[in-house]
Amino acid sequence: MFETPQNNPRLTLQVFLGFLLGIVIDLVCFFLSIMLGFAVALHRTWLYAAFNAAGLIVVGIVALRHFRESSYAQGIVIALSLGLLLDAACGVFLH
């Protein structure tokens, strides 16, 4: 499904930098979901995790579109996947 051509090897440094960028994107989505939750005055804490998951999924879809062209996108997808797993665990804990 995600085959790479032989003439375009993934550089480890680019994947690592994409991973760091993905962590920054995770944190931005986290803080935006908290601000959105405060703006609508949520009383159910698990909705913060749902807002964060929605943001991570949208950014992940955008990163998957560029998965074949860029090694950075591969690192971003890895970081967003780990962030989404952590977000799901927090959502279950808060529910």
PDB file of N, CA and C in Angstrom:
ATOM      1  N   MET A   1       0.809  -1.184   0.000  1.00  0.00           N
ATOM      2  CA  MET A   1       0.000   0.000   0.000  1.00  0.00           C
ATOM      3  C   MET A   1       0.862   1.261   0.000  1.00  0.00           C
ATOM      4  N   PHE A   2       1.927   1.276   0.790  1.00  0.00           N
ATOM      5  CA  PHE A   2       2.808   2.430   0.858  1.00  0.00           C
ATOM      6  C   PHE A   2       4.200   2.050   0.363  1.00  0.00           C
ATOM      7  N   GLU A   3       4.290   1.554  -0.854  1.00  0.00           N
ATOM      8  CA  GLU A   3       5.579   1.176  -1.398  1.00  0.00           C
ATOM      9  C   GLU A   3       6.367   2.428  -1.753  1.00  0.00           C
ATOM     10  N   THR A   4       7.676   2.353  -1.552  1.00  0.00           N
ATOM     11  CA  THR A   4       8.541   3.468  -1.920  1.00  0.00           C
ATOM     12  C   THR A   4       9.379   3.064  -3.112  1.00  0.00           C
ATOM     13  N   PRO A   5       9.619   3.973  -4.040  1.00  0.00           N
ATOM     14  CA  PRO A   5      10.481   3.651  -5.167  1.00  0.00           C
ATOM     15  C   PRO A   5      11.924   3.462  -4.703  1.00  0.00           C
ATOM     16  N   GLN A   6      12.673   2.706  -5.453  1.00  0.00           N
ATOM     17  CA  GLN A   6      14.050   2.407  -5.079  1.00  0.00           C
ATOM     18  C   GLN A   6      14.955   3.633  -5.163  1.00  0.00           C
ATOM     19  N   ASN A   7      14.620   4.604  -5.994  1.00  0.00           N
ATOM     20  CA  ASN A   7      15.488   5.762  -6.154  1.00  0.00           C
ATOM     21  C   ASN A   7      15.196   6.859  -5.129  1.00  0.00           C
ATOM     22  N   ASN A   8      14.252   6.669  -4.212  1.00  0.00           N
ATOM     23  CA  ASN A   8      13.902   7.666  -3.217  1.00  0.00           C
ATOM     24  C   ASN A   8      13.988   7.061  -1.817  1.00  0.00           C
ATOM     25  N   PRO A   9      15.209   6.877  -1.294  1.00  0.00           N
ATOM     26  CA  PRO A   9      15.322   6.271   0.038  1.00  0.00           C
ATOM     27  C   PRO A   9      14.913   7.255   1.122  1.00  0.00           C
ATOM     28  N   ARG A  10      14.320   6.729   2.153  1.00  0.00           N
ATOM     29  CA  ARG A  10      13.913   7.559   3.288  1.00  0.00           C
ATOM     30  C   ARG A  10      15.150   7.861   4.137  1.00  0.00           C
ATOM     31  N   LEU A  11      15.375   9.121   4.353  1.00  0.00           N
ATOM     32  CA  LEU A  11      16.502   9.513   5.177  1.00  0.00           C
ATOM     33  C   LEU A  11      16.087   9.513   6.641  1.00  0.00           C
ATOM     34  N   THR A  12      16.909   8.908   7.467  1.00  0.00           N
ATOM     35  CA  THR A  12      16.596   8.777   8.881  1.00  0.00           C
ATOM     36  C   THR A  12      16.477  10.133   9.554  1.00  0.00           C
ATOM     37  N   LEU A  13      17.330  11.070   9.184  1.00  0.00           N
ATOM     38  CA  LEU A  13      17.275  12.398   9.781  1.00  0.00           C
ATOM     39  C   LEU A  13      15.971  13.106   9.433  1.00  0.00           C
ATOM     40  N   GLN A  14      15.515  12.970   8.196  1.00  0.00           N
ATOM     41  CA  GLN A  14      14.264  13.601   7.802  1.00  0.00           C
ATOM     42  C   GLN A  14      13.075  12.977   8.525  1.00  0.00           C
ATOM     43  N   VAL A  15      13.095  11.675   8.706  1.00  0.00           N
ATOM     44  CA  VAL A  15      12.015  11.011   9.450  1.00  0.00           C
ATOM     45  C   VAL A  15      12.029  11.475  10.901  1.00  0.00           C
ATOM     46  N   PHE A  16      13.211  11.608  11.490  1.00  0.00           N
ATOM     47  CA  PHE A  16      13.323  12.071  12.867  1.00  0.00           C
ATOM     48  C   PHE A  16      12.835  13.504  13.006  1.00  0.00           C
ATOM     49  N   LEU A  17      13.202  14.374  12.071  1.00  0.00           N
ATOM     50  CA  LEU A  17      12.738  15.758  12.111  1.00  0.00           C
ATOM     51  C   LEU A  17      11.220  15.835  11.903  1.00  0.00           C
ATOM     52  N   GLY A  18      10.693  14.978  11.047  1.00  0.00           N
ATOM     53  CA  GLY A  18       9.244  14.900  10.881  1.00  0.00           C
ATOM     54  C   GLY A  18       8.562  14.427  12.146  1.00  0.00           C
ATOM     55  N   PHE A  19       9.201  13.507  12.855  1.00  0.00           N
ATOM     56  CA  PHE A  19       8.670  13.033  14.133  1.00  0.00           C
ATOM     57  C   PHE A  19       8.619  14.172  15.147  1.00  0.00           C
ATOM     58  N   LEU A  20       9.681  14.979  15.208  1.00  0.00           N
ATOM     59  CA  LEU A  20       9.681  16.126  16.114  1.00  0.00           C
ATOM     60  C   LEU A  20       8.612  17.141  15.727  1.00  0.00           C
ATOM     61  N   LEU A  21       8.438  17.356  14.432  1.00  0.00           N
ATOM     62  CA  LEU A  21       7.377  18.250  13.968  1.00  0.00           C
ATOM     63  C   LEU A  21       6.002  17.690  14.335  1.00  0.00           C
ATOM     64  N   GLY A  22       5.847  16.386  14.258  1.00  0.00           N
ATOM     65  CA  GLY A  22       4.597  15.751  14.650  1.00  0.00           C
ATOM     66  C   GLY A  22       4.302  15.931  16.131  1.00  0.00           C
ATOM     67  N   ILE A  23       5.336  15.894  16.962  1.00  0.00           N
ATOM     68  CA  ILE A  23       5.149  16.129  18.392  1.00  0.00           C
ATOM     69  C   ILE A  23       4.691  17.559  18.635  1.00  0.00           C
ATOM     70  N   VAL A  24       5.273  18.508  17.899  1.00  0.00           N
ATOM     71  CA  VAL A  24       4.843  19.904  18.025  1.00  0.00           C
ATOM     72  C   VAL A  24       3.385  20.050  17.590  1.00  0.00           C
ATOM     73  N   ILE A  25       3.009  19.384  16.511  1.00  0.00           N
ATOM     74  CA  ILE A  25       1.626  19.425  16.039  1.00  0.00           C
ATOM     75  C   ILE A  25       0.692  18.802  17.078  1.00  0.00           C
ATOM     76  N   ASP A  26       1.130  17.710  17.716  1.00  0.00           N
ATOM     77  CA  ASP A  26       0.338  17.093  18.788  1.00  0.00           C
ATOM     78  C   ASP A  26       0.081  18.091  19.918  1.00  0.00           C
ATOM     79  N   LEU A  27       1.117  18.795  20.321  1.00  0.00           N
ATOM     80  CA  LEU A  27       0.973  19.754  21.416  1.00  0.00           C
ATOM     81  C   LEU A  27       0.068  20.916  21.033  1.00  0.00           C
ATOM     82  N   VAL A  28       0.187  21.394  19.791  1.00  0.00           N
ATOM     83  CA  VAL A  28      -0.674  22.483  19.331  1.00  0.00           C
ATOM     84  C   VAL A  28      -2.135  22.035  19.323  1.00  0.00           C
ATOM     85  N   CYS A  29      -2.404  20.829  18.819  1.00  0.00           N
ATOM     86  CA  CYS A  29      -3.781  20.307  18.831  1.00  0.00           C
ATOM     87  C   CYS A  29      -4.291  20.151  20.258  1.00  0.00           C
ATOM     88  N   PHE A  30      -3.429  19.738  21.154  1.00  0.00           N
ATOM     89  CA  PHE A  30      -3.806  19.574  22.556  1.00  0.00           C
ATOM     90  C   PHE A  30      -4.229  20.905  23.167  1.00  0.00           C
ATOM     91  N   PHE A  31      -3.409  21.949  22.976  1.00  0.00           N
ATOM     92  CA  PHE A  31      -3.735  23.246  23.557  1.00  0.00           C
ATOM     93  C   PHE A  31      -4.948  23.886  22.883  1.00  0.00           C
ATOM     94  N   LEU A  32      -5.102  23.668  21.580  1.00  0.00           N
ATOM     95  CA  LEU A  32      -6.284  24.186  20.899  1.00  0.00           C
ATOM     96  C   LEU A  32      -7.556  23.499  21.392  1.00  0.00           C
ATOM     97  N   SER A  33      -7.477  22.207  21.665  1.00  0.00           N
ATOM     98  CA  SER A  33      -8.661  21.503  22.173  1.00  0.00           C
ATOM     99  C   SER A  33      -9.013  21.971  23.578  1.00  0.00           C
ATOM    100  N   ILE A  34      -8.018  22.278  24.387  1.00  0.00           N
ATOM    101  CA  ILE A  34      -8.290  22.810  25.723  1.00  0.00           C
ATOM    102  C   ILE A  34      -8.934  24.183  25.627  1.00  0.00           C
ATOM    103  N   MET A  35      -8.403  25.056  24.750  1.00  0.00           N
ATOM    104  CA  MET A  35      -8.999  26.382  24.595  1.00  0.00           C
ATOM    105  C   MET A  35     -10.423  26.292  24.046  1.00  0.00           C
ATOM    106  N   LEU A  36     -10.654  25.378  23.105  1.00  0.00           N
ATOM    107  CA  LEU A  36     -12.000  25.190  22.574  1.00  0.00           C
ATOM    108  C   LEU A  36     -12.948  24.679  23.649  1.00  0.00           C
ATOM    109  N   GLY A  37     -12.462  23.774  24.475  1.00  0.00           N
ATOM    110  CA  GLY A  37     -13.275  23.258  25.572  1.00  0.00           C
ATOM    111  C   GLY A  37     -13.632  24.332  26.580  1.00  0.00           C
ATOM    112  N   PHE A  38     -12.681  25.218  26.892  1.00  0.00           N
ATOM    113  CA  PHE A  38     -12.981  26.321  27.804  1.00  0.00           C
ATOM    114  C   PHE A  38     -13.938  27.319  27.170  1.00  0.00           C
ATOM    115  N   ALA A  39     -13.833  27.506  25.859  1.00  0.00           N
ATOM    116  CA  ALA A  39     -14.693  28.472  25.179  1.00  0.00           C
ATOM    117  C   ALA A  39     -16.152  28.038  25.186  1.00  0.00           C
ATOM    118  N   VAL A  40     -16.396  26.742  25.060  1.00  0.00           N
ATOM    119  CA  VAL A  40     -17.781  26.263  25.069  1.00  0.00           C
ATOM    120  C   VAL A  40     -18.210  25.764  26.441  1.00  0.00           C
ATOM    121  N   ALA A  41     -17.345  25.943  27.438  1.00  0.00           N
ATOM    122  CA  ALA A  41     -17.635  25.597  28.841  1.00  0.00           C
ATOM    123  C   ALA A  41     -18.093  24.151  28.986  1.00  0.00           C
ATOM    124  N   LEU A  42     -17.210  23.240  28.631  1.00  0.00           N
ATOM    125  CA  LEU A  42     -17.525  21.819  28.739  1.00  0.00           C
ATOM    126  C   LEU A  42     -17.498  21.363  30.194  1.00  0.00           C
ATOM    127  N   HIS A  43     -18.460  20.544  30.534  1.00  0.00           N
ATOM    128  CA  HIS A  43     -18.485  19.960  31.873  1.00  0.00           C
ATOM    129  C   HIS A  43     -18.089  18.490  31.844  1.00  0.00           C
ATOM    130  N   ARG A  44     -18.006  17.948  30.664  1.00  0.00           N
ATOM    131  CA  ARG A  44     -17.571  16.553  30.518  1.00  0.00           C
ATOM    132  C   ARG A  44     -16.122  16.560  30.050  1.00  0.00           C
ATOM    133  N   THR A  45     -15.238  16.056  30.888  1.00  0.00           N
ATOM    134  CA  THR A  45     -13.810  16.158  30.600  1.00  0.00           C
ATOM    135  C   THR A  45     -13.371  15.268  29.445  1.00  0.00           C
ATOM    136  N   TRP A  46     -14.096  14.204  29.148  1.00  0.00           N
ATOM    137  CA  TRP A  46     -13.675  13.317  28.073  1.00  0.00           C
ATOM    138  C   TRP A  46     -13.833  13.981  26.704  1.00  0.00           C
ATOM    139  N   LEU A  47     -14.607  15.058  26.608  1.00  0.00           N
ATOM    140  CA  LEU A  47     -14.762  15.747  25.325  1.00  0.00           C
ATOM    141  C   LEU A  47     -13.484  16.470  24.906  1.00  0.00           C
ATOM    142  N   TYR A  48     -12.628  16.828  25.866  1.00  0.00           N
ATOM    143  CA  TYR A  48     -11.339  17.404  25.504  1.00  0.00           C
ATOM    144  C   TYR A  48     -10.525  16.419  24.670  1.00  0.00           C
ATOM    145  N   ALA A  49     -10.538  15.170  25.094  1.00  0.00           N
ATOM    146  CA  ALA A  49      -9.825  14.135  24.343  1.00  0.00           C
ATOM    147  C   ALA A  49     -10.461  13.914  22.975  1.00  0.00           C
ATOM    148  N   ALA A  50     -11.784  14.047  22.888  1.00  0.00           N
ATOM    149  CA  ALA A  50     -12.460  13.885  21.597  1.00  0.00           C
ATOM    150  C   ALA A  50     -12.103  15.022  20.645  1.00  0.00           C
ATOM    151  N   PHE A  51     -12.035  16.259  21.141  1.00  0.00           N
ATOM    152  CA  PHE A  51     -11.614  17.384  20.301  1.00  0.00           C
ATOM    153  C   PHE A  51     -10.173  17.204  19.830  1.00  0.00           C
ATOM    154  N   ASN A  52      -9.323  16.744  20.733  1.00  0.00           N
ATOM    155  CA  ASN A  52      -7.926  16.521  20.368  1.00  0.00           C
ATOM    156  C   ASN A  52      -7.811  15.418  19.319  1.00  0.00           C
ATOM    157  N   ALA A  53      -8.566  14.352  19.474  1.00  0.00           N
ATOM    158  CA  ALA A  53      -8.534  13.251  18.506  1.00  0.00           C
ATOM    159  C   ALA A  53      -9.008  13.722  17.134  1.00  0.00           C
ATOM    160  N   ALA A  54     -10.046  14.542  17.099  1.00  0.00           N
ATOM    161  CA  ALA A  54     -10.541  15.046  15.817  1.00  0.00           C
ATOM    162  C   ALA A  54      -9.473  15.882  15.114  1.00  0.00           C
ATOM    163  N   GLY A  55      -8.781  16.722  15.866  1.00  0.00           N
ATOM    164  CA  GLY A  55      -7.709  17.525  15.279  1.00  0.00           C
ATOM    165  C   GLY A  55      -6.559  16.676  14.778  1.00  0.00           C
ATOM    166  N   LEU A  56      -6.184  15.660  15.550  1.00  0.00           N
ATOM    167  CA  LEU A  56      -5.081  14.781  15.138  1.00  0.00           C
ATOM    168  C   LEU A  56      -5.444  13.973  13.894  1.00  0.00           C
ATOM    169  N   ILE A  57      -6.686  13.561  13.792  1.00  0.00           N
ATOM    170  CA  ILE A  57      -7.109  12.794  12.624  1.00  0.00           C
ATOM    171  C   ILE A  57      -7.076  13.658  11.376  1.00  0.00           C
ATOM    172  N   VAL A  58      -7.522  14.906  11.487  1.00  0.00           N
ATOM    173  CA  VAL A  58      -7.501  15.808  10.324  1.00  0.00           C
ATOM    174  C   VAL A  58      -6.072  16.061   9.863  1.00  0.00           C
ATOM    175  N   VAL A  59      -5.178  16.347  10.803  1.00  0.00           N
ATOM    176  CA  VAL A  59      -3.776  16.590  10.440  1.00  0.00           C
ATOM    177  C   VAL A  59      -3.140  15.310   9.895  1.00  0.00           C
ATOM    178  N   GLY A  60      -3.507  14.157  10.444  1.00  0.00           N
ATOM    179  CA  GLY A  60      -2.980  12.883   9.949  1.00  0.00           C
ATOM    180  C   GLY A  60      -3.401  12.588   8.531  1.00  0.00           C
ATOM    181  N   ILE A  61      -4.622  12.939   8.168  1.00  0.00           N
ATOM    182  CA  ILE A  61      -5.083  12.738   6.787  1.00  0.00           C
ATOM    183  C   ILE A  61      -4.280  13.605   5.832  1.00  0.00           C
ATOM    184  N   VAL A  62      -4.010  14.847   6.241  1.00  0.00           N
ATOM    185  CA  VAL A  62      -3.203  15.731   5.397  1.00  0.00           C
ATOM    186  C   VAL A  62      -1.786  15.171   5.246  1.00  0.00           C
ATOM    187  N   ALA A  63      -1.208  14.655   6.327  1.00  0.00           N
ATOM    188  CA  ALA A  63       0.140  14.094   6.261  1.00  0.00           C
ATOM    189  C   ALA A  63       0.174  12.826   5.415  1.00  0.00           C
ATOM    190  N   LEU A  64      -0.886  12.019   5.471  1.00  0.00           N
ATOM    191  CA  LEU A  64      -0.919  10.799   4.664  1.00  0.00           C
ATOM    192  C   LEU A  64      -0.969  11.094   3.167  1.00  0.00           C
ATOM    193  N   ARG A  65      -1.527  12.229   2.801  1.00  0.00           N
ATOM    194  CA  ARG A  65      -1.557  12.592   1.379  1.00  0.00           C
ATOM    195  C   ARG A  65      -0.153  12.841   0.825  1.00  0.00           C
ATOM    196  N   HIS A  66       0.762  13.266   1.690  1.00  0.00           N
ATOM    197  CA  HIS A  66       2.131  13.551   1.255  1.00  0.00           C
ATOM    198  C   HIS A  66       3.107  12.455   1.687  1.00  0.00           C
ATOM    199  N   PHE A  67       2.578  11.299   2.038  1.00  0.00           N
ATOM    200  CA  PHE A  67       3.396  10.215   2.584  1.00  0.00           C
ATOM    201  C   PHE A  67       4.440   9.716   1.584  1.00  0.00           C
ATOM    202  N   ARG A  68       4.078   9.618   0.321  1.00  0.00           N
ATOM    203  CA  ARG A  68       4.997   9.074  -0.684  1.00  0.00           C
ATOM    204  C   ARG A  68       6.065  10.061  -1.123  1.00  0.00           C
ATOM    205  N   GLU A  69       5.753  11.367  -1.053  1.00  0.00           N
ATOM    206  CA  GLU A  69       6.702  12.357  -1.552  1.00  0.00           C
ATOM    207  C   GLU A  69       7.740  12.783  -0.523  1.00  0.00           C
ATOM    208  N   SER A  70       7.441  12.653   0.754  1.00  0.00           N
ATOM    209  CA  SER A  70       8.292  13.255   1.769  1.00  0.00           C
ATOM    210  C   SER A  70       8.578  12.282   2.907  1.00  0.00           C
ATOM    211  N   SER A  71       9.827  12.279   3.340  1.00  0.00           N
ATOM    212  CA  SER A  71      10.196  11.502   4.521  1.00  0.00           C
ATOM    213  C   SER A  71       9.719  12.183   5.787  1.00  0.00           C
ATOM    214  N   TYR A  72       9.562  13.505   5.726  1.00  0.00           N
ATOM    215  CA  TYR A  72       9.042  14.229   6.877  1.00  0.00           C
ATOM    216  C   TYR A  72       7.627  13.763   7.211  1.00  0.00           C
ATOM    217  N   ALA A  73       6.835  13.507   6.180  1.00  0.00           N
ATOM    218  CA  ALA A  73       5.456  13.073   6.392  1.00  0.00           C
ATOM    219  C   ALA A  73       5.408  11.730   7.109  1.00  0.00           C
ATOM    220  N   GLN A  74       6.362  10.867   6.839  1.00  0.00           N
ATOM    221  CA  GLN A  74       6.387   9.579   7.533  1.00  0.00           C
ATOM    222  C   GLN A  74       6.613   9.782   9.032  1.00  0.00           C
ATOM    223  N   GLY A  75       7.531  10.657   9.402  1.00  0.00           N
ATOM    224  CA  GLY A  75       7.767  10.953  10.814  1.00  0.00           C
ATOM    225  C   GLY A  75       6.567  11.601  11.468  1.00  0.00           C
ATOM    226  N   ILE A  76       5.884  12.491  10.725  1.00  0.00           N
ATOM    227  CA  ILE A  76       4.690  13.138  11.262  1.00  0.00           C
ATOM    228  C   ILE A  76       3.594  12.113  11.517  1.00  0.00           C
ATOM    229  N   VAL A  77       3.409  11.183  10.587  1.00  0.00           N
ATOM    230  CA  VAL A  77       2.374  10.158  10.750  1.00  0.00           C
ATOM    231  C   VAL A  77       2.691   9.264  11.955  1.00  0.00           C
ATOM    232  N   ILE A  78       3.947   8.936  12.159  1.00  0.00           N
ATOM    233  CA  ILE A  78       4.330   8.117  13.317  1.00  0.00           C
ATOM    234  C   ILE A  78       4.016   8.856  14.612  1.00  0.00           C
ATOM    235  N   ALA A  79       4.393  10.127  14.690  1.00  0.00           N
ATOM    236  CA  ALA A  79       4.151  10.907  15.909  1.00  0.00           C
ATOM    237  C   ALA A  79       2.654  11.101  16.155  1.00  0.00           C
ATOM    238  N   LEU A  80       1.895  11.373  15.095  1.00  0.00           N
ATOM    239  CA  LEU A  80       0.461  11.564  15.268  1.00  0.00           C
ATOM    240  C   LEU A  80      -0.227  10.263  15.678  1.00  0.00           C
ATOM    241  N   SER A  81       0.262   9.140  15.183  1.00  0.00           N
ATOM    242  CA  SER A  81      -0.305   7.851  15.585  1.00  0.00           C
ATOM    243  C   SER A  81      -0.076   7.589  17.063  1.00  0.00           C
ATOM    244  N   LEU A  82       1.132   7.859  17.530  1.00  0.00           N
ATOM    245  CA  LEU A  82       1.414   7.681  18.957  1.00  0.00           C
ATOM    246  C   LEU A  82       0.610   8.659  19.803  1.00  0.00           C
ATOM    247  N   GLY A  83       0.472   9.882  19.325  1.00  0.00           N
ATOM    248  CA  GLY A  83      -0.328  10.868  20.047  1.00  0.00           C
ATOM    249  C   GLY A  83      -1.792  10.470  20.117  1.00  0.00           C
ATOM    250  N   LEU A  84      -2.301   9.893  19.042  1.00  0.00           N
ATOM    251  CA  LEU A  84      -3.702   9.453  19.025  1.00  0.00           C
ATOM    252  C   LEU A  84      -3.920   8.276  19.977  1.00  0.00           C
ATOM    253  N   LEU A  85      -2.955   7.378  20.060  1.00  0.00           N
ATOM    254  CA  LEU A  85      -3.053   6.278  21.025  1.00  0.00           C
ATOM    255  C   LEU A  85      -3.058   6.803  22.462  1.00  0.00           C
ATOM    256  N   LEU A  86      -2.189   7.750  22.752  1.00  0.00           N
ATOM    257  CA  LEU A  86      -2.140   8.348  24.079  1.00  0.00           C
ATOM    258  C   LEU A  86      -3.429   9.106  24.377  1.00  0.00           C
ATOM    259  N   ASP A  87      -3.950   9.791  23.364  1.00  0.00           N
ATOM    260  CA  ASP A  87      -5.199  10.527  23.525  1.00  0.00           C
ATOM    261  C   ASP A  87      -6.363   9.580  23.810  1.00  0.00           C
ATOM    262  N   ALA A  88      -6.395   8.445  23.143  1.00  0.00           N
ATOM    263  CA  ALA A  88      -7.459   7.463  23.398  1.00  0.00           C
ATOM    264  C   ALA A  88      -7.367   6.915  24.814  1.00  0.00           C
ATOM    265  N   ALA A  89      -6.152   6.670  25.293  1.00  0.00           N
ATOM    266  CA  ALA A  89      -5.981   6.189  26.660  1.00  0.00           C
ATOM    267  C   ALA A  89      -6.430   7.240  27.672  1.00  0.00           C
ATOM    268  N   CYS A  90      -6.126   8.501  27.404  1.00  0.00           N
ATOM    269  CA  CYS A  90      -6.569   9.565  28.306  1.00  0.00           C
ATOM    270  C   CYS A  90      -8.079   9.740  28.269  1.00  0.00           C
ATOM    271  N   GLY A  91      -8.669   9.597  27.077  1.00  0.00           N
ATOM    272  CA  GLY A  91     -10.121   9.699  26.955  1.00  0.00           C
ATOM    273  C   GLY A  91     -10.835   8.613  27.724  1.00  0.00           C
ATOM    274  N   VAL A  92     -10.303   7.395  27.691  1.00  0.00           N
ATOM    275  CA  VAL A  92     -10.897   6.293  28.452  1.00  0.00           C
ATOM    276  C   VAL A  92     -10.738   6.546  29.957  1.00  0.00           C
ATOM    277  N   PHE A  93      -9.590   7.069  30.348  1.00  0.00           N
ATOM    278  CA  PHE A  93      -9.366   7.354  31.757  1.00  0.00           C
ATOM    279  C   PHE A  93     -10.297   8.461  32.262  1.00  0.00           C
ATOM    280  N   LEU A  94     -10.544   9.482  31.423  1.00  0.00           N
ATOM    281  CA  LEU A  94     -11.385  10.611  31.848  1.00  0.00           C
ATOM    282  C   LEU A  94     -12.874  10.272  31.801  1.00  0.00           C
ATOM    283  N   HIS A  95     -13.229   9.244  31.078  1.00  0.00           N
ATOM    284  CA  HIS A  95     -14.647   8.898  30.958  1.00  0.00           C
ATOM    285  C   HIS A  95     -15.021   8.143  32.184  1.00  0.00           C
TER     286      HIS A  95
END
